[in-house]
Amino acid sequence: MEKQTNVRIVTLKDLGTVFIHHLWIIILSATLCMAIAFMYNAVTFVPKYESTATLYILRQNEKSNKTDTPADFSLALNVVNDCTYLLKSHAVLDDVIDELSLNTTYESLAGNVSTSNPENTRILEVTVKSDSPKDSKEIVDSLCKIGTKKIMSAMGFNQVNLYEEGTLETDPCNKTGMLTYLILGVIVASLVYAAFFLAFLLDDRIRSEEDIEHYLGLSILGDIPNAYEISKNRYGYYSAYKSKENDTANSRKR
């Protein structure tokens, strides 16, 4: 006799059945979470605007008739890292705060300043975030102008040029797009479906003839067709009999 195993075999039909049976709950859960996230973001949203200026890193004692060498290029890349550190130093940011009379602290301003260096370039992009587009542009322009002077003074030679002043962006940089809400909905729907499917796997009730043969190792000799309908008919016949009896009694009273 072949030994039966209690391991449930999951088929594609099972996956589809669980999904279809709970489709509306999955959709409702995802939609509800998206709506809650949208409403929460609408209530608590504080717009932030950013402005980006561009600094160009020159090599030491650069001349118009001299071409770049690997040593010059390597030096410029190292200077990019030095400039990044100096731009966020107290010596620079404290002067920016004083010049613009900003109502902020050094730590708060430093947290809103970021830099990036495009790969294999001598360009340093300086970005500042604030509560208004105008303030962002003013701060980044002041930061770059003061920063270049401090860098020249610290390094002893002219190696940083302000290539492009700060941009004026009117759209918030921290705005949540619809794609984010859609991704949230997909994640929630996946989690809800996973919960229902896990419940399906943990449910060890016998549902079909195949389950009886698989889990109990018994052969099905036969079944009683429409057993539920027979039960309904029995009660249905009783109800019909009582209804006919009541109709007869009412006719006699008339």
Protein backbone atom coordinates (compact mmCIF):
# COMPACT_ATOMS: atom_id res chain seq x y z
CA MET A 1 0.00 0.00 0.00
CA GLU A 2 1.38 3.40 -0.99
CA LYS A 3 2.11 5.63 1.96
CA GLN A 4 0.14 8.87 1.95
CA THR A 5 1.72 12.19 2.84
CA ASN A 6 0.05 15.06 4.67
CA VAL A 7 1.91 17.73 2.70
CA ARG A 8 -0.54 19.87 0.75
CA ILE A 9 0.31 20.32 -2.90
CA VAL A 10 -0.38 23.90 -4.00
CA THR A 11 -1.44 24.33 -7.60
CA LEU A 12 -2.04 27.34 -9.81
CA LYS A 13 -5.73 26.67 -9.41
CA ASP A 14 -5.40 27.14 -5.66
CA LEU A 15 -3.59 30.44 -6.16
CA GLY A 16 -6.30 31.69 -8.51
CA THR A 17 -9.12 30.46 -6.30
CA VAL A 18 -7.84 32.27 -3.22
CA PHE A 19 -7.32 35.44 -5.25
CA ILE A 20 -10.76 35.41 -6.89
CA HIS A 21 -12.64 34.57 -3.68
CA HIS A 22 -11.05 37.50 -1.84
CA LEU A 23 -10.65 39.91 -4.75
CA TRP A 24 -12.98 42.59 -3.41
CA ILE A 25 -11.37 42.52 0.03
CA ILE A 26 -7.92 42.87 -1.55
CA ILE A 27 -9.02 45.79 -3.72
CA LEU A 28 -10.85 47.48 -0.85
CA SER A 29 -7.86 47.14 1.49
CA ALA A 30 -5.45 48.58 -1.06
CA THR A 31 -7.79 51.46 -1.92
CA LEU A 32 -8.42 52.27 1.74
CA CYS A 33 -4.71 52.37 2.58
CA MET A 34 -4.01 54.58 -0.44
CA ALA A 35 -6.80 56.96 0.60
CA ILE A 36 -5.52 57.14 4.20
CA ALA A 37 -1.97 57.82 3.01
CA PHE A 38 -3.20 60.53 0.62
CA MET A 39 -5.28 62.25 3.31
CA TYR A 40 -2.46 62.07 5.87
CA ASN A 41 0.00 63.53 3.38
CA ALA A 42 -2.44 66.30 2.43
CA VAL A 43 -2.87 67.32 6.08
CA THR A 44 0.77 67.11 7.17
CA PHE A 45 2.51 68.11 3.92
CA VAL A 46 5.04 70.95 4.23
CA PRO A 47 6.44 71.89 0.81
CA LYS A 48 10.20 72.10 0.37
CA TYR A 49 11.92 73.78 -2.56
CA GLU A 50 15.45 73.24 -3.74
CA SER A 51 17.89 75.25 -5.81
CA THR A 52 21.08 73.93 -7.39
CA ALA A 53 24.22 75.89 -8.31
CA THR A 54 27.23 74.52 -10.19
CA LEU A 55 30.88 74.95 -9.31
CA TYR A 56 33.68 74.10 -11.74
CA ILE A 57 36.90 72.77 -10.25
CA LEU A 58 40.02 74.17 -11.96
CA ARG A 59 43.45 72.66 -11.76
CA GLN A 60 46.21 74.51 -9.99
CA ASN A 61 47.71 77.39 -12.02
CA GLU A 62 45.63 76.41 -15.04
CA LYS A 63 46.73 77.99 -18.31
CA SER A 64 44.76 78.21 -21.52
CA ASN A 65 47.50 76.59 -23.56
CA LYS A 66 47.98 73.61 -21.28
CA THR A 67 46.00 70.41 -21.62
CA ASP A 68 44.74 68.27 -18.76
CA THR A 69 47.00 65.52 -17.51
CA PRO A 70 45.97 62.51 -15.42
CA ALA A 71 47.69 64.11 -12.42
CA ASP A 72 45.69 67.32 -12.88
CA PHE A 73 42.46 65.41 -13.22
CA SER A 74 43.18 63.34 -10.11
CA LEU A 75 44.02 66.51 -8.20
CA ALA A 76 40.76 68.11 -9.27
CA LEU A 77 38.73 65.14 -8.05
CA ASN A 78 40.45 65.29 -4.69
CA VAL A 79 39.70 69.01 -4.51
CA VAL A 80 35.99 68.23 -5.09
CA ASN A 81 35.94 66.29 -1.83
CA ASP A 82 37.76 69.11 -0.03
CA CYS A 83 35.28 71.66 -1.37
CA THR A 84 32.36 69.55 -0.19
CA TYR A 85 33.74 69.53 3.33
CA LEU A 86 34.55 73.26 3.37
CA LEU A 87 31.15 74.30 2.02
CA LYS A 88 29.45 72.68 5.04
CA SER A 89 31.91 74.08 7.58
CA HIS A 90 31.03 76.63 10.27
CA ALA A 91 33.26 79.20 8.59
CA VAL A 92 31.05 79.19 5.49
CA LEU A 93 27.55 78.51 6.82
CA ASP A 94 27.82 80.95 9.72
CA ASP A 95 28.72 83.72 7.26
CA VAL A 96 25.77 82.76 5.05
CA ILE A 97 23.42 82.97 8.04
CA ASP A 98 24.79 86.40 8.99
CA GLU A 99 24.74 87.79 5.44
CA LEU A 100 21.13 86.79 4.75
CA SER A 101 19.95 87.26 8.36
CA LEU A 102 18.48 83.77 8.38
CA ASN A 103 16.38 82.65 11.32
CA THR A 104 18.02 79.24 11.53
CA THR A 105 20.88 77.40 13.16
CA TYR A 106 24.05 75.97 11.69
CA GLU A 107 22.85 72.39 12.19
CA SER A 108 19.53 73.07 10.47
CA LEU A 109 21.15 74.77 7.47
CA ALA A 110 23.84 72.09 7.16
CA GLY A 111 21.12 69.43 7.04
CA ASN A 112 19.54 71.18 4.04
CA VAL A 113 22.78 71.45 2.06
CA SER A 114 23.87 68.60 -0.18
CA THR A 115 26.50 68.18 -2.87
CA SER A 116 27.02 65.81 -5.76
CA ASN A 117 29.84 65.18 -8.19
CA PRO A 118 28.88 63.72 -11.59
CA GLU A 119 31.15 60.79 -12.37
CA ASN A 120 34.42 61.57 -14.18
CA THR A 121 33.86 65.34 -14.09
CA ARG A 122 35.32 68.28 -12.22
CA ILE A 123 31.88 69.71 -11.53
CA LEU A 124 30.41 70.09 -8.06
CA GLU A 125 26.64 70.56 -7.81
CA VAL A 126 25.53 72.32 -4.63
CA THR A 127 21.85 71.99 -3.63
CA VAL A 128 19.99 73.83 -0.87
CA LYS A 129 16.47 73.09 0.38
CA SER A 130 14.22 75.59 2.13
CA ASP A 131 10.57 76.55 2.59
CA SER A 132 10.44 78.86 -0.45
CA PRO A 133 12.01 78.89 -3.94
CA LYS A 134 13.38 82.40 -3.44
CA ASP A 135 15.10 81.55 -0.17
CA SER A 136 16.65 78.42 -1.68
CA LYS A 137 18.17 80.39 -4.55
CA GLU A 138 19.46 83.17 -2.31
CA ILE A 139 21.02 80.72 0.13
CA VAL A 140 22.74 78.59 -2.51
CA ASP A 141 24.09 81.66 -4.34
CA SER A 142 25.43 83.13 -1.12
CA LEU A 143 26.83 79.76 -0.08
CA CYS A 144 28.74 79.34 -3.35
CA LYS A 145 30.11 82.89 -3.40
CA ILE A 146 31.25 82.81 0.22
CA GLY A 147 32.41 79.21 -0.16
CA THR A 148 34.65 79.91 -3.17
CA LYS A 149 36.38 82.74 -1.29
CA LYS A 150 36.91 80.56 1.78
CA ILE A 151 38.19 77.70 -0.39
CA MET A 152 40.65 79.99 -2.22
CA SER A 153 41.86 81.37 1.08
CA ALA A 154 42.26 77.93 2.64
CA MET A 155 43.96 76.31 -0.36
CA GLY A 156 46.06 79.26 -1.37
CA PHE A 157 45.14 79.33 -5.05
CA ASN A 158 42.21 79.93 -7.34
CA GLN A 159 40.74 76.54 -8.07
CA VAL A 160 36.96 76.98 -7.88
CA ASN A 161 34.75 78.96 -10.26
CA LEU A 162 31.01 79.57 -9.95
CA TYR A 163 29.84 78.22 -13.29
CA GLU A 164 26.07 78.54 -12.83
CA GLU A 165 24.02 80.30 -10.16
CA GLY A 166 21.15 78.64 -8.35
CA THR A 167 18.03 77.64 -10.22
CA LEU A 168 14.56 78.90 -9.29
CA GLU A 169 12.29 75.86 -8.92
CA THR A 170 8.60 76.50 -8.28
CA ASP A 171 7.57 72.87 -7.78
CA PRO A 172 8.11 71.28 -4.34
CA CYS A 173 10.91 68.74 -4.32
CA ASN A 174 9.22 66.58 -1.67
CA LYS A 175 5.85 66.20 -3.41
CA THR A 176 4.49 62.66 -3.37
CA GLY A 177 3.56 61.43 -6.84
CA MET A 178 0.77 59.05 -7.83
CA LEU A 179 3.33 56.34 -8.53
CA THR A 180 4.17 56.24 -4.82
CA TYR A 181 0.52 55.68 -3.91
CA LEU A 182 0.20 52.97 -6.57
CA ILE A 183 3.26 51.19 -5.22
CA LEU A 184 1.76 51.40 -1.72
CA GLY A 185 -1.49 49.91 -3.02
CA VAL A 186 0.32 47.03 -4.69
CA ILE A 187 2.28 46.29 -1.50
CA VAL A 188 -0.87 46.32 0.65
CA ALA A 189 -2.75 44.14 -1.84
CA SER A 190 0.14 41.66 -1.89
CA LEU A 191 0.24 41.48 1.91
CA VAL A 192 -3.53 40.95 2.18
CA TYR A 193 -3.41 38.23 -0.47
CA ALA A 194 -0.48 36.58 1.32
CA ALA A 195 -2.47 36.59 4.58
CA PHE A 196 -5.47 34.90 2.91
CA PHE A 197 -3.25 32.37 1.19
CA LEU A 198 -1.48 31.56 4.47
CA ALA A 199 -4.88 30.98 6.08
CA PHE A 200 -5.73 28.69 3.17
CA LEU A 201 -2.56 26.66 3.73
CA LEU A 202 -3.22 26.34 7.47
CA ASP A 203 -6.80 25.23 6.94
CA ASP A 204 -6.75 21.41 7.20
CA ARG A 205 -10.44 20.78 6.64
CA ILE A 206 -11.54 18.12 4.15
CA ARG A 207 -13.10 19.84 1.16
CA SER A 208 -13.28 17.31 -1.65
CA GLU A 209 -12.99 13.66 -2.58
CA GLU A 210 -9.39 14.24 -3.56
CA ASP A 211 -8.65 15.49 -0.03
CA ILE A 212 -10.14 12.30 1.46
CA GLU A 213 -8.01 10.08 -0.75
CA HIS A 214 -4.89 12.19 -0.23
CA TYR A 215 -4.97 12.77 3.52
CA LEU A 216 -6.88 9.72 4.80
CA GLY A 217 -5.73 7.19 2.24
CA LEU A 218 -9.29 5.96 1.70
CA SER A 219 -10.95 5.13 -1.59
CA ILE A 220 -14.29 6.73 -2.41
CA LEU A 221 -16.88 4.04 -3.24
CA GLY A 222 -19.71 6.47 -3.91
CA ASP A 223 -21.47 9.60 -2.76
CA ILE A 224 -25.01 10.78 -2.20
CA PRO A 225 -25.83 13.29 -4.92
CA ASN A 226 -27.82 16.38 -4.08
CA ALA A 227 -27.96 15.53 -0.39
CA TYR A 228 -28.45 19.16 0.50
CA GLU A 229 -31.31 19.50 -1.97
CA ILE A 230 -33.05 16.44 -0.48
CA SER A 231 -32.85 18.05 2.94
CA LYS A 232 -34.27 21.25 1.55
CA ASN A 233 -37.07 19.41 -0.21
CA ARG A 234 -38.02 17.62 2.99
CA TYR A 235 -38.46 20.87 4.83
CA GLY A 236 -39.91 22.41 1.73
CA TYR A 237 -42.58 19.67 1.53
CA TYR A 238 -43.44 20.25 5.17
CA SER A 239 -43.79 23.96 4.59
CA ALA A 240 -45.91 23.41 1.49
CA TYR A 241 -48.15 20.96 3.42
CA LYS A 242 -48.68 23.47 6.23
CA SER A 243 -49.44 26.19 3.71
CA LYS A 244 -52.03 24.00 1.95
CA GLU A 245 -53.61 23.13 5.31
CA ASN A 246 -53.91 26.81 6.23
CA ASP A 247 -55.50 27.61 2.87
CA THR A 248 -58.11 24.86 3.42
CA ALA A 249 -58.94 26.19 6.91
CA ASN A 250 -59.39 29.68 5.56
CA SER A 251 -61.72 28.42 2.82
CA ARG A 252 -63.94 26.65 5.40
CA LYS A 253 -64.22 29.83 7.46
CA ARG A 254 -65.51 31.66 4.45
